[in-house]
């Protein structure tokens, strides 16, 4: 099984005039049952990436799939099942 992120974009509004982009067109495929290390400086999007994968933080645009299952449009019950088995 693969967790596939395609062209993920996420920005945070700092104040009414400033938007901080955190992830810009981020794409990656994660093989399940493998271990990954994500490193980087503070504020570079590590926690945001984990929260997106966990379906806690919504993305601005892009796609997130578990194999062919579109994770972006899951209902609450399916989100809970996904988190229970895969996160």
Protein backbone atom coordinates (compact mmCIF):
# COMPACT_ATOMS: atom_id res chain seq x y z
CA UNK A 1 0.00 0.00 0.00
CA UNK A 2 1.08 3.55 -0.68
CA UNK A 3 0.15 6.90 0.80
CA UNK A 4 0.47 9.38 -2.07
CA UNK A 5 0.55 13.15 -1.70
CA UNK A 6 0.28 15.08 -4.98
CA UNK A 7 0.85 18.80 -5.32
CA UNK A 8 -0.10 19.57 -1.72
CA UNK A 9 -0.32 23.28 -0.91
CA UNK A 10 -0.87 24.70 2.56
CA UNK A 11 -0.57 28.28 3.76
CA UNK A 12 -1.41 29.96 7.04
CA UNK A 13 -2.87 33.43 7.37
CA UNK A 14 -0.62 35.39 9.75
CA UNK A 15 -2.76 38.51 9.77
CA UNK A 16 -5.25 40.05 7.36
CA UNK A 17 -2.50 41.11 4.93
CA UNK A 18 0.10 38.35 5.25
CA UNK A 19 -0.11 34.71 4.19
CA UNK A 20 2.73 32.31 5.02
CA UNK A 21 3.10 29.40 2.56
CA UNK A 22 4.32 26.25 4.33
CA UNK A 23 4.00 23.54 1.67
CA UNK A 24 4.13 24.40 -2.04
CA UNK A 25 3.34 21.67 -4.59
CA UNK A 26 4.65 18.99 -2.22
CA UNK A 27 4.49 15.50 -3.70
CA UNK A 28 5.73 12.23 -2.23
CA UNK A 29 4.77 8.56 -2.04
CA UNK A 30 5.13 6.75 1.27
CA UNK A 31 5.18 2.95 1.32
CA UNK A 32 3.22 1.66 4.30
CA UNK A 33 5.16 -0.36 6.88
CA UNK A 34 8.35 1.57 6.12
CA UNK A 35 9.91 4.07 8.50
CA UNK A 36 10.56 7.64 7.36
CA UNK A 37 12.50 10.45 8.98
CA UNK A 38 11.37 14.00 8.26
CA UNK A 39 13.81 16.68 9.33
CA UNK A 40 14.10 20.41 8.87
CA UNK A 41 14.32 23.72 10.60
CA UNK A 42 11.54 25.07 12.75
CA UNK A 43 8.65 26.42 10.70
CA UNK A 44 9.41 24.38 7.58
CA UNK A 45 6.19 22.31 7.60
CA UNK A 46 7.05 19.04 9.39
CA UNK A 47 4.12 19.20 11.82
CA UNK A 48 1.83 20.54 9.12
CA UNK A 49 2.75 17.58 6.90
CA UNK A 50 1.97 15.11 9.70
CA UNK A 51 -1.32 16.85 10.45
CA UNK A 52 -2.28 16.72 6.77
CA UNK A 53 -1.44 13.00 6.57
CA UNK A 54 -3.49 12.47 9.77
CA UNK A 55 -6.41 14.39 8.21
CA UNK A 56 -6.34 16.90 11.05
CA UNK A 57 -5.32 19.93 8.97
CA UNK A 58 -7.13 20.56 5.68
CA UNK A 59 -5.05 21.35 2.60
CA UNK A 60 -5.51 24.41 0.42
CA UNK A 61 -5.34 22.22 -2.68
CA UNK A 62 -3.77 19.03 -3.97
CA UNK A 63 -4.56 15.34 -3.59
CA UNK A 64 -4.03 12.72 -0.89
CA UNK A 65 -4.57 9.03 -1.64
CA UNK A 66 -4.21 5.73 0.14
CA UNK A 67 -3.69 3.57 -2.94
CA UNK A 68 -6.73 4.60 -5.03
CA UNK A 69 -8.83 5.85 -2.08
CA UNK A 70 -9.23 9.65 -2.14
CA UNK A 71 -8.65 10.68 1.50
CA UNK A 72 -9.68 14.31 1.02
CA UNK A 73 -13.38 13.51 0.65
CA UNK A 74 -13.82 10.93 3.42
CA UNK A 75 -16.70 11.27 5.87
CA UNK A 76 -16.02 11.46 9.62
CA UNK A 77 -16.57 7.72 10.21
CA UNK A 78 -14.10 6.80 7.46
CA UNK A 79 -11.58 9.35 8.75
CA UNK A 80 -11.71 7.67 12.17
CA UNK A 81 -11.13 4.25 10.57
CA UNK A 82 -8.23 5.60 8.53
CA UNK A 83 -6.59 7.10 11.61
CA UNK A 84 -7.13 3.91 13.62
CA UNK A 85 -5.44 1.65 11.08
CA UNK A 86 -2.91 3.83 9.25
CA UNK A 87 -1.80 6.79 11.35
